[in-house]
Protein backbone atom coordinates (compact mmCIF):
# COMPACT_ATOMS: atom_id res chain seq x y z
CA MET A 1 52.60 -80.10 -126.50
CA GLN A 2 54.24 -83.37 -127.44
CA LEU A 3 51.93 -86.38 -127.76
CA VAL A 4 53.58 -89.59 -126.59
CA LEU A 5 52.42 -93.19 -126.97
CA SER A 6 53.30 -95.47 -124.04
CA LEU A 7 53.68 -99.17 -124.83
CA PHE A 8 53.64 -101.81 -122.08
CA PRO A 9 52.67 -99.06 -119.60
CA GLY A 10 52.09 -101.35 -116.61
CA ILE A 11 51.30 -99.24 -113.57
CA GLY A 12 52.49 -96.13 -115.44
CA LEU A 13 55.62 -95.02 -113.58
CA LEU A 14 57.55 -93.99 -116.71
CA ASP A 15 54.38 -92.34 -118.01
CA ARG A 16 54.06 -90.36 -114.81
CA ALA A 17 57.59 -89.02 -115.15
CA PHE A 18 56.97 -87.83 -118.72
CA GLU A 19 53.63 -86.28 -117.75
CA GLU A 20 55.37 -84.28 -115.03
CA GLU A 21 57.62 -82.80 -117.73
CA GLY A 22 54.64 -81.62 -119.77
CA PHE A 23 54.27 -84.47 -122.25
CA CYS A 24 50.77 -85.74 -123.01
CA VAL A 25 50.94 -89.53 -122.62
CA VAL A 26 48.48 -91.93 -124.24
CA ARG A 27 48.68 -95.47 -122.85
CA GLY A 28 48.60 -98.44 -125.20
CA PRO A 29 47.38 -101.97 -124.34
CA ASP A 30 48.93 -103.95 -121.50
CA LEU A 31 48.38 -107.50 -120.24
CA LEU A 32 47.84 -106.02 -116.78
CA TRP A 33 44.60 -104.50 -118.06
CA GLY A 34 43.66 -107.33 -120.45
CA GLY A 35 45.30 -105.84 -123.57
CA ASP A 36 47.49 -107.52 -126.18
CA ILE A 37 50.24 -105.57 -127.94
CA ARG A 38 50.26 -108.11 -130.78
CA SER A 39 46.86 -106.97 -132.02
CA PHE A 40 47.58 -103.26 -131.56
CA HIS A 41 48.33 -101.04 -134.57
CA PRO A 42 48.97 -97.35 -133.81
CA PRO A 43 48.11 -94.75 -136.44
CA ALA A 44 51.01 -93.26 -138.40
CA GLY A 45 52.07 -89.68 -137.84
CA ARG A 46 49.91 -89.02 -134.77
CA PHE A 47 52.54 -89.36 -132.03
CA ASP A 48 55.68 -87.29 -131.53
CA GLY A 49 57.33 -89.98 -129.41
CA VAL A 50 56.94 -93.57 -128.23
CA ILE A 51 58.11 -94.83 -124.85
CA GLY A 52 57.93 -98.21 -123.13
CA GLY A 53 59.56 -101.15 -121.43
CA PRO A 54 58.74 -104.52 -123.03
CA PRO A 55 58.66 -107.53 -120.67
CA CYS A 56 62.25 -108.45 -119.85
CA GLN A 57 62.08 -111.94 -118.36
CA ALA A 58 63.80 -113.54 -121.38
CA PHE A 59 66.87 -111.34 -120.76
CA SER A 60 66.77 -111.21 -116.97
CA SER A 61 69.76 -112.38 -114.95
CA PHE A 62 67.37 -114.90 -113.35
CA ALA A 63 66.12 -116.36 -116.65
CA HIS A 64 68.41 -119.39 -116.36
CA LEU A 65 66.87 -120.25 -112.99
CA VAL A 66 63.40 -120.22 -114.52
CA ARG A 67 64.55 -122.55 -117.31
CA GLN A 68 66.30 -124.88 -114.85
CA GLN A 69 62.96 -125.34 -113.12
CA GLY A 70 61.50 -126.59 -116.39
CA LYS A 71 59.50 -123.43 -116.96
CA LYS A 72 59.42 -121.17 -119.99
CA THR A 73 60.28 -117.50 -119.82
CA LYS A 74 57.79 -115.03 -121.17
CA PRO A 75 58.20 -114.26 -124.89
CA ASP A 76 60.51 -111.52 -126.13
CA LEU A 77 58.24 -108.61 -127.10
CA ILE A 78 60.94 -106.15 -128.09
CA PRO A 79 60.17 -106.89 -131.78
CA GLU A 80 56.56 -105.86 -131.07
CA PHE A 81 57.82 -102.59 -129.59
CA ALA A 82 59.91 -102.02 -132.73
CA ARG A 83 56.93 -102.85 -134.96
CA CYS A 84 54.71 -100.32 -133.20
CA VAL A 85 57.40 -97.65 -133.53
CA ARG A 86 57.72 -98.45 -137.22
CA GLU A 87 53.95 -98.16 -137.70
CA ALA A 88 53.55 -95.00 -135.59
CA GLN A 89 56.48 -93.21 -137.29
CA PRO A 90 57.25 -90.86 -134.38
CA THR A 91 60.10 -88.37 -134.32
CA TRP A 92 61.75 -90.26 -131.47
CA PHE A 93 61.38 -93.28 -129.20
CA LEU A 94 62.71 -94.46 -125.86
CA MET A 95 62.86 -98.11 -124.78
CA GLU A 96 63.71 -99.13 -121.21
CA ASN A 97 64.78 -102.65 -120.26
CA VAL A 98 67.24 -104.83 -118.34
CA GLN A 99 70.99 -104.71 -118.89
CA LYS A 100 71.17 -107.71 -121.25
CA ALA A 101 68.24 -106.75 -123.47
CA PRO A 102 69.16 -106.09 -127.13
CA THR A 103 68.84 -102.73 -128.84
CA PRO A 104 65.58 -102.45 -130.81
CA ASP A 105 66.07 -102.51 -134.57
CA VAL A 106 63.80 -99.97 -136.24
CA PRO A 107 64.56 -99.08 -139.89
CA GLY A 108 64.92 -95.35 -140.45
CA TYR A 109 66.01 -94.55 -136.89
CA SER A 110 69.42 -93.91 -135.38
CA VAL A 111 69.60 -95.45 -131.92
CA HIS A 112 71.92 -94.85 -128.98
CA ARG A 113 71.82 -97.37 -126.12
CA PHE A 114 73.25 -96.73 -122.66
CA LEU A 115 73.08 -98.09 -119.12
CA LEU A 116 71.83 -95.99 -116.23
CA GLN A 117 72.44 -96.80 -112.57
CA ASN A 118 69.80 -95.50 -110.17
CA SER A 119 72.35 -94.88 -107.41
CA HIS A 120 74.25 -92.49 -109.72
CA LEU A 121 71.21 -90.23 -109.49
CA GLY A 122 71.62 -89.98 -105.74
CA GLN A 123 69.05 -92.67 -104.97
CA GLU A 124 69.36 -95.44 -102.39
CA GLN A 125 68.23 -98.32 -104.59
CA ASN A 126 70.94 -100.02 -106.63
CA ARG A 127 69.09 -100.58 -109.94
CA LEU A 128 70.78 -100.80 -113.35
CA ARG A 129 68.63 -100.37 -116.46
CA SER A 130 69.30 -99.96 -120.17
CA PHE A 131 67.77 -97.22 -122.31
CA SER A 132 67.65 -97.07 -126.11
CA PHE A 133 66.90 -93.64 -127.53
CA GLY A 134 66.09 -93.49 -131.21
CA CYS A 135 65.64 -90.50 -133.50
CA ALA A 136 64.25 -90.51 -137.04
CA GLY A 137 66.94 -90.08 -139.69
CA ASN A 138 70.65 -89.84 -138.99
CA THR A 139 70.47 -87.93 -135.72
CA ARG A 140 71.99 -90.04 -132.95
CA LEU A 141 71.70 -88.48 -129.50
CA ASP A 142 73.38 -89.66 -126.30
CA LEU A 143 70.89 -88.77 -123.57
CA ARG A 144 73.55 -89.01 -120.87
CA LYS A 145 74.73 -85.54 -121.90
CA TRP A 146 71.48 -84.12 -120.53
CA ILE A 147 71.00 -86.31 -117.45
CA GLU A 148 71.59 -84.66 -114.07
CA PHE A 149 73.87 -87.08 -112.25
CA ALA A 150 74.53 -86.73 -108.52
CA VAL A 151 77.98 -85.67 -107.40
CA PHE A 152 78.14 -88.61 -105.00
CA ASP A 153 76.24 -91.87 -104.64
CA ASN A 154 73.74 -92.06 -101.80
CA PRO A 155 75.57 -93.21 -98.62
CA GLN A 156 72.62 -95.53 -97.96
CA TRP A 157 72.38 -98.59 -100.19
CA SER A 158 69.80 -101.28 -100.97
CA GLY A 159 69.43 -103.97 -103.62
CA ALA A 160 67.03 -103.65 -106.53
CA ILE A 161 63.35 -104.18 -105.85
CA LEU A 162 62.10 -107.34 -107.57
CA ALA A 163 58.71 -107.94 -109.15
CA SER A 164 58.63 -111.34 -107.43
CA GLY A 165 58.99 -109.73 -104.02
CA GLY A 166 62.00 -108.72 -101.99
CA ARG A 167 65.20 -107.45 -103.55
CA LYS A 168 68.32 -108.74 -105.22
CA PRO A 169 70.89 -109.96 -102.70
CA GLY A 170 73.65 -107.57 -101.81
CA LEU A 171 75.31 -105.86 -98.90
CA GLU A 172 72.29 -104.19 -97.30
CA ARG A 173 73.12 -105.46 -93.83
CA GLY A 174 76.61 -104.05 -93.95
CA ARG A 175 76.13 -100.91 -96.02
CA GLY A 176 72.53 -99.85 -95.75
CA LYS A 177 69.67 -99.43 -93.33
CA THR A 178 68.24 -102.26 -91.26
CA LYS A 179 65.10 -102.20 -93.42
CA GLY A 180 67.33 -103.40 -96.22
CA SER A 181 67.06 -106.89 -94.71
CA TRP A 182 63.30 -107.09 -95.26
CA HIS A 183 62.53 -109.59 -98.01
CA GLY A 184 59.38 -110.98 -99.57
CA TRP A 185 55.84 -109.68 -99.74
CA THR A 186 54.49 -111.21 -96.54
CA GLY A 187 55.05 -108.08 -94.45
CA GLY A 188 53.82 -104.53 -94.83
CA HIS A 189 57.26 -103.19 -93.94
CA ALA A 190 58.77 -104.82 -97.02
CA PHE A 191 56.25 -103.26 -99.39
CA ALA A 192 56.53 -99.87 -97.69
CA PHE A 193 60.27 -99.94 -98.33
CA ALA A 194 59.68 -101.04 -101.95
CA LEU A 195 57.51 -97.95 -102.48
CA GLU A 196 60.12 -95.72 -100.86
CA ALA A 197 62.92 -97.23 -102.96
CA GLN A 198 60.93 -96.69 -106.17
CA GLY A 199 60.27 -93.05 -105.23
CA LEU A 200 56.55 -93.54 -104.62
CA PRO A 201 54.29 -92.18 -101.84
CA PRO A 202 53.40 -94.55 -98.96
CA ASP A 203 49.72 -94.65 -99.99
CA PHE A 204 50.46 -95.66 -103.59
CA LEU A 205 48.06 -98.49 -104.66
CA SER A 206 46.37 -98.41 -101.24
CA ASP A 207 42.92 -98.12 -102.81
CA THR A 208 43.47 -100.69 -105.56
CA PRO A 209 42.18 -104.30 -105.61
CA PHE A 210 45.67 -105.77 -106.18
CA SER A 211 46.81 -108.50 -103.82
CA ALA A 212 50.04 -108.03 -101.84
CA LYS A 213 51.84 -110.17 -104.42
CA GLY A 214 50.28 -108.20 -107.26
CA LYS A 215 51.36 -104.88 -105.76
CA PHE A 216 54.94 -106.08 -105.52
CA GLN A 217 54.79 -107.25 -109.13
CA VAL A 218 53.58 -103.98 -110.65
CA VAL A 219 55.84 -101.81 -108.47
CA GLY A 220 58.89 -104.02 -109.01
CA ASN A 221 58.38 -104.06 -112.77
CA GLY A 222 58.28 -100.28 -112.98
CA VAL A 223 61.03 -97.75 -113.63
CA PRO A 224 62.00 -95.95 -110.40
CA LEU A 225 60.21 -92.62 -110.52
CA PRO A 226 63.41 -90.57 -109.90
CA MET A 227 65.10 -92.40 -112.79
CA GLY A 228 62.09 -91.81 -115.02
CA ARG A 229 62.14 -88.13 -114.17
CA ALA A 230 65.85 -87.84 -114.97
CA VAL A 231 65.36 -89.50 -118.36
CA ALA A 232 62.21 -87.53 -119.22
CA LYS A 233 64.04 -84.28 -118.47
CA ALA A 234 66.95 -85.42 -120.62
CA VAL A 235 64.64 -86.20 -123.56
CA LYS A 236 63.05 -82.79 -123.23
CA ARG A 237 66.42 -81.04 -123.19
CA ALA A 238 67.98 -83.17 -125.92
CA LEU A 239 65.18 -82.43 -128.36
CA GLY A 240 65.09 -78.75 -127.45
CA ILE A 241 61.45 -79.02 -126.46
CA GLU A 242 60.02 -76.12 -124.48
CA LEU A 243 56.98 -77.60 -122.80
CA GLU A 244 55.01 -76.09 -120.02
CA ARG A 245 55.85 -78.11 -116.95
CA ALA A 246 52.87 -80.03 -115.65
CA ALA A 247 51.36 -78.49 -112.58
């Protein structure tokens, strides 16, 4: 069984996808639970892989709006992700982030970066993310060769779920379902659709103490579960790993 370290795990959607494929995932510190990646030092040689999605606000398409309001974006923690990989010395790593985020620079690893559109997996939500897959040594693998893409995009369409509530503007009214017009976190219908769009069950987080705004934040910051599953399967196939699928 492959032991995987998850950095910036958040609510654990990417972790869940890898666990379903038989990986054993150990979660590192996260601000959501009071942790600080900057004081974390993983042991060398203990983990086969490292996964994670560092906070992306500095590279978000809305970052300029935050700065125009006189506010500061959250710090770029991709270097901290790279540092942890360097210290852990895994066989491979996978970093997920927004489209404009840079490729992590980790000495001793060959990295391939690509963009993945959620709708190309047959999902309704239009969500574009970048993935950087690194392997120790000179092996450079393009995970897209092992991803199961849908033959056609989903005929239904909705904008990307946002951590701040609602979704990115788009053509929901003309192309998608009527629930595509629900915005914000003030209504239960909006959050129910956010869960559906992210591939989560309707009772997800129902027993947690998060506020409505907090639920939108952790769900909107996560990788859509169907996308996570597609990538986890691709990693498993690309590395030739035969793991017993999690029950």
